[in-house]
Amino acid sequence: MAKKQIMPLWFYRLASPKYCYQITATLLPYFAAITLALLSIGIVWALLFAPQDYQQGNSFRIIYIHVPSALLAQSIYLTMALSGAIGIIWKMKIADMVAYACAPIGASMAFVALITGAIWGKPTWGSWWVWDARLTSMLILLFLYFGVMALYSAMGNSASAARAAAILSLVGLVNIPIIKYSVDWWNTLHQPATFTLTEKPAMPVEMWLPLLVMVLGFYFFFATAMLLRLRNEILLREKRTSWVKQLVSEL
């Protein structure tokens, strides 16, 4: 009797670097085009057509960068940790490569979120930085990204580095709910979520619609950037295989 597959067939096919490289070549142009369209529309809409905030004036417009980057920093970390877990459990090289590709992008998004938060905080709170629970937990997230990247760089063996980085990523997951719920758990200066999936948005529709477009644009940007890094990593790790040699010879 044939052994029953635990995961769907496409999951096992993605374990093949060659197949993954081929399918990402198909997806990449679409993701790049959608990214360009969404970010172009979102930036123009947010800067030129969204109305001013009645309290913060035009300074509130930084949320169109700050909110998407903060959300994306957390989502990328979840993706990185999940990929690391898949790499440990199923020994999938592609999952390790995805986790490796995610780390610098996530660190960049966490850094952008912190910088834009500081720029926003100066006129709003009168200070560039306060040891607010959400700000502090976001800073910890940035350090977690740095730790994962350091492990990849410090360890010569790629398999050992991937396992160590995955373990750190999984341990660091405890920080994600702290970031999300810190405003509810503690008395902080940071305002609550602007909109959620379960509640009516706290801002007018003409303000949060461009924000939604920017959030989607940031997520497609991540997909595009991650696929580019993943494809590069596949070529580097598989450079001795016949299919990569053939690919290079055809260039």
Protein backbone atom coordinates (compact mmCIF):
# COMPACT_ATOMS: atom_id res chain seq x y z
CA MET A 1 0.00 0.00 0.00
CA ALA A 2 1.36 3.41 -0.97
CA LYS A 3 2.33 5.73 1.83
CA LYS A 4 -0.19 8.53 2.27
CA GLN A 5 1.20 12.01 1.70
CA ILE A 6 0.87 14.34 4.67
CA MET A 7 1.23 17.52 2.60
CA PRO A 8 -0.13 18.35 -0.90
CA LEU A 9 1.95 17.52 -3.97
CA TRP A 10 2.87 21.13 -4.74
CA PHE A 11 4.50 21.38 -1.30
CA TYR A 12 6.89 18.55 -2.13
CA ARG A 13 7.52 19.89 -5.63
CA LEU A 14 8.64 23.20 -4.14
CA ALA A 15 11.35 21.29 -2.30
CA SER A 16 13.12 21.00 -5.65
CA PRO A 17 15.39 24.04 -6.20
CA LYS A 18 15.09 23.68 -9.96
CA TYR A 19 11.27 23.64 -9.89
CA CYS A 20 11.19 26.52 -7.40
CA TYR A 21 13.52 28.57 -9.59
CA GLN A 22 11.32 27.96 -12.61
CA ILE A 23 8.03 28.83 -10.92
CA THR A 24 9.45 32.01 -9.39
CA ALA A 25 10.49 33.12 -12.88
CA THR A 26 6.81 32.92 -13.86
CA LEU A 27 5.52 34.73 -10.77
CA LEU A 28 8.13 37.48 -10.53
CA PRO A 29 6.97 39.75 -13.42
CA TYR A 30 3.38 39.73 -12.15
CA PHE A 31 4.40 40.54 -8.58
CA ALA A 32 6.71 43.33 -9.77
CA ALA A 33 4.00 44.88 -11.95
CA ILE A 34 1.41 44.74 -9.15
CA THR A 35 3.92 46.25 -6.72
CA LEU A 36 4.67 49.16 -9.04
CA ALA A 37 0.99 49.81 -9.70
CA LEU A 38 -0.13 49.65 -6.06
CA LEU A 39 2.72 51.77 -4.67
CA SER A 40 2.38 54.37 -7.41
CA ILE A 41 -1.37 54.70 -6.87
CA GLY A 42 -1.04 54.59 -3.10
CA ILE A 43 1.69 57.25 -2.84
CA VAL A 44 -0.05 59.69 -5.19
CA TRP A 45 -3.40 59.12 -3.45
CA ALA A 46 -1.92 59.48 0.04
CA LEU A 47 0.15 62.59 -0.65
CA LEU A 48 -2.08 64.53 -3.03
CA PHE A 49 -5.69 63.48 -2.50
CA ALA A 50 -6.11 62.22 1.08
CA PRO A 51 -7.41 65.05 3.32
CA GLN A 52 -5.41 66.50 6.20
CA ASP A 53 -5.95 65.20 9.71
CA TYR A 54 -7.87 67.71 11.82
CA GLN A 55 -5.33 67.43 14.68
CA GLN A 56 -1.99 66.49 13.08
CA GLY A 57 -2.35 68.26 9.76
CA ASN A 58 -0.14 66.93 6.97
CA SER A 59 2.29 65.27 9.40
CA PHE A 60 -0.13 62.34 9.70
CA ARG A 61 0.72 61.30 6.13
CA ILE A 62 3.80 59.46 7.37
CA ILE A 63 1.42 56.68 8.46
CA TYR A 64 1.26 55.64 4.81
CA ILE A 65 4.86 54.46 5.20
CA HIS A 66 4.98 53.74 8.92
CA VAL A 67 1.94 51.47 9.22
CA PRO A 68 2.70 49.25 6.17
CA SER A 69 6.36 48.85 7.15
CA ALA A 70 5.45 47.95 10.75
CA LEU A 71 2.87 45.40 9.64
CA LEU A 72 5.25 43.95 7.07
CA ALA A 73 8.11 43.66 9.57
CA GLN A 74 5.93 41.44 11.74
CA SER A 75 4.56 39.40 8.84
CA ILE A 76 8.01 38.78 7.42
CA TYR A 77 9.18 37.55 10.80
CA LEU A 78 6.28 35.09 10.90
CA THR A 79 7.18 33.94 7.38
CA MET A 80 10.82 33.54 8.35
CA ALA A 81 9.99 31.55 11.49
CA LEU A 82 7.51 29.33 9.64
CA SER A 83 10.06 28.66 6.89
CA GLY A 84 12.66 27.84 9.51
CA ALA A 85 10.29 25.39 11.18
CA ILE A 86 9.55 23.71 7.84
CA GLY A 87 13.29 23.47 7.21
CA ILE A 88 13.81 21.74 10.56
CA ILE A 89 10.85 19.37 10.29
CA TRP A 90 10.94 18.41 6.60
CA LYS A 91 14.63 19.17 5.87
CA MET A 92 13.66 21.37 2.93
CA LYS A 93 16.55 23.37 1.54
CA ILE A 94 14.14 25.79 -0.14
CA ALA A 95 12.50 26.60 3.20
CA ASP A 96 15.92 27.44 4.64
CA MET A 97 16.61 29.65 1.62
CA VAL A 98 13.28 31.45 2.06
CA ALA A 99 14.08 32.14 5.70
CA TYR A 100 17.52 33.42 4.71
CA ALA A 101 15.99 35.65 2.01
CA CYS A 102 13.43 37.09 4.44
CA ALA A 103 15.81 38.31 7.16
CA PRO A 104 17.37 41.42 5.52
CA ILE A 105 14.03 42.53 4.07
CA GLY A 106 12.34 42.19 7.46
CA ALA A 107 15.17 44.06 9.18
CA SER A 108 14.81 46.87 6.64
CA MET A 109 11.08 47.12 7.26
CA ALA A 110 11.55 47.14 11.05
CA PHE A 111 14.17 49.90 10.66
CA VAL A 112 11.87 51.97 8.43
CA ALA A 113 9.02 51.52 10.93
CA LEU A 114 11.21 52.75 13.80
CA ILE A 115 12.59 55.72 11.87
CA THR A 116 9.20 56.86 10.57
CA GLY A 117 7.75 56.32 14.04
CA ALA A 118 10.42 58.61 15.47
CA ILE A 119 9.69 61.27 12.83
CA TRP A 120 5.99 60.99 13.61
CA GLY A 121 6.59 60.98 17.37
CA LYS A 122 8.51 64.26 17.47
CA PRO A 123 5.58 66.56 16.59
CA THR A 124 3.00 64.24 18.20
CA TRP A 125 4.68 63.39 21.53
CA GLY A 126 7.39 66.06 21.60
CA SER A 127 10.18 63.47 21.55
CA TRP A 128 11.99 61.39 18.95
CA TRP A 129 11.90 58.32 21.18
CA VAL A 130 10.09 57.11 24.28
CA TRP A 131 10.41 53.71 25.90
CA ASP A 132 6.87 52.89 24.92
CA ALA A 133 5.92 49.19 25.03
CA ARG A 134 5.22 48.97 21.31
CA LEU A 135 8.33 50.92 20.30
CA THR A 136 10.52 48.84 22.58
CA SER A 137 9.10 45.54 21.33
CA MET A 138 9.58 46.71 17.72
CA LEU A 139 13.21 47.53 18.55
CA ILE A 140 13.57 44.00 19.95
CA LEU A 141 12.18 42.70 16.66
CA LEU A 142 14.92 44.55 14.79
CA PHE A 143 17.55 43.02 17.08
CA LEU A 144 16.06 39.57 16.47
CA TYR A 145 16.47 40.11 12.75
CA PHE A 146 20.07 41.17 13.32
CA GLY A 147 20.64 38.07 15.42
CA VAL A 148 19.31 35.79 12.69
CA MET A 149 21.45 37.51 10.07
CA ALA A 150 24.51 37.26 12.33
CA LEU A 151 23.99 33.52 12.76
CA TYR A 152 23.85 33.02 9.00
CA SER A 153 27.06 35.03 8.57
CA ALA A 154 29.01 33.58 11.51
CA MET A 155 28.51 29.87 10.84
CA GLY A 156 30.32 28.30 7.90
CA ASN A 157 28.04 25.29 7.56
CA SER A 158 24.80 26.40 5.86
CA ALA A 159 22.72 23.59 7.39
CA SER A 160 23.89 24.37 10.93
CA ALA A 161 23.40 28.10 10.36
CA ALA A 162 19.86 27.54 9.07
CA ARG A 163 18.97 25.38 12.07
CA ALA A 164 20.38 27.87 14.59
CA ALA A 165 18.66 30.79 12.86
CA ALA A 166 15.37 28.88 12.75
CA ILE A 167 15.52 28.13 16.48
CA LEU A 168 16.19 31.80 17.27
CA SER A 169 13.32 32.82 14.95
CA LEU A 170 10.92 30.44 16.68
CA VAL A 171 11.95 31.61 20.15
CA GLY A 172 11.49 35.21 19.03
CA LEU A 173 7.88 34.57 18.01
CA VAL A 174 6.86 35.44 21.57
CA ASN A 175 7.61 39.07 20.68
CA ILE A 176 5.00 39.27 17.90
CA PRO A 177 1.87 39.19 20.12
CA ILE A 178 3.61 41.66 22.45
CA ILE A 179 3.98 44.11 19.55
CA LYS A 180 0.37 43.61 18.49
CA TYR A 181 -1.33 43.74 21.90
CA SER A 182 1.04 45.99 23.86
CA VAL A 183 -1.29 48.97 23.38
CA ASP A 184 -4.13 46.96 24.96
CA TRP A 185 -2.08 45.33 27.72
CA TRP A 186 -0.25 48.42 28.97
CA ASN A 187 -0.87 52.15 29.24
CA THR A 188 1.24 53.38 26.33
CA LEU A 189 1.57 56.55 24.30
CA HIS A 190 1.18 54.66 21.04
CA GLN A 191 -2.30 54.91 19.54
CA PRO A 192 -4.38 51.76 18.97
CA ALA A 193 -4.66 50.10 15.56
CA THR A 194 -6.06 52.45 12.92
CA PHE A 195 -8.24 49.73 11.43
CA THR A 196 -8.77 46.02 11.93
CA LEU A 197 -10.63 43.28 10.09
CA THR A 198 -13.28 43.03 12.80
CA GLU A 199 -13.99 46.69 13.65
CA LYS A 200 -15.01 49.84 11.81
CA PRO A 201 -11.95 51.95 10.84
CA ALA A 202 -11.17 54.82 13.19
CA MET A 203 -10.45 57.20 10.28
CA PRO A 204 -12.59 58.36 7.33
CA VAL A 205 -12.73 56.13 4.27
CA GLU A 206 -10.85 58.69 2.14
CA MET A 207 -7.90 58.31 4.54
CA TRP A 208 -7.79 54.57 5.14
CA LEU A 209 -8.40 53.45 1.56
CA PRO A 210 -5.03 54.78 0.34
CA LEU A 211 -3.50 53.25 3.46
CA LEU A 212 -4.96 49.88 2.47
CA VAL A 213 -3.51 50.29 -1.04
CA MET A 214 -0.09 51.06 0.46
CA VAL A 215 -0.25 48.03 2.75
CA LEU A 216 -1.02 45.78 -0.20
CA GLY A 217 1.75 47.42 -2.20
CA PHE A 218 4.26 46.79 0.59
CA TYR A 219 3.27 43.13 0.79
CA PHE A 220 3.70 42.67 -2.95
CA PHE A 221 7.03 44.49 -2.68
CA PHE A 222 8.10 41.94 -0.10
CA ALA A 223 7.02 39.08 -2.35
CA THR A 224 8.99 40.55 -5.25
CA ALA A 225 12.12 41.24 -3.21
CA MET A 226 12.00 37.87 -1.50
CA LEU A 227 11.66 36.01 -4.82
CA LEU A 228 14.64 37.89 -6.22
CA ARG A 229 16.78 37.03 -3.20
CA LEU A 230 15.52 33.44 -3.22
CA ARG A 231 16.42 32.97 -6.88
CA ASN A 232 19.89 34.36 -6.26
CA GLU A 233 20.36 32.05 -3.26
CA ILE A 234 19.22 29.02 -5.26
CA LEU A 235 21.82 29.73 -7.94
CA LEU A 236 24.56 30.21 -5.35
CA ARG A 237 23.81 26.99 -3.47
CA GLU A 238 23.11 24.91 -6.59
CA LYS A 239 25.96 26.27 -8.71
CA ARG A 240 27.61 22.85 -8.98
CA THR A 241 24.47 21.13 -10.30
CA SER A 242 24.06 20.34 -13.98
CA TRP A 243 20.89 22.39 -14.44
CA VAL A 244 22.52 25.58 -13.13
CA LYS A 245 25.61 25.00 -15.30
CA GLN A 246 23.34 24.56 -18.31
CA LEU A 247 21.40 27.70 -17.37
CA VAL A 248 24.59 29.72 -17.16
CA SER A 249 25.89 28.36 -20.46
CA GLU A 250 22.70 29.51 -22.19
CA LEU A 251 23.10 33.10 -21.06
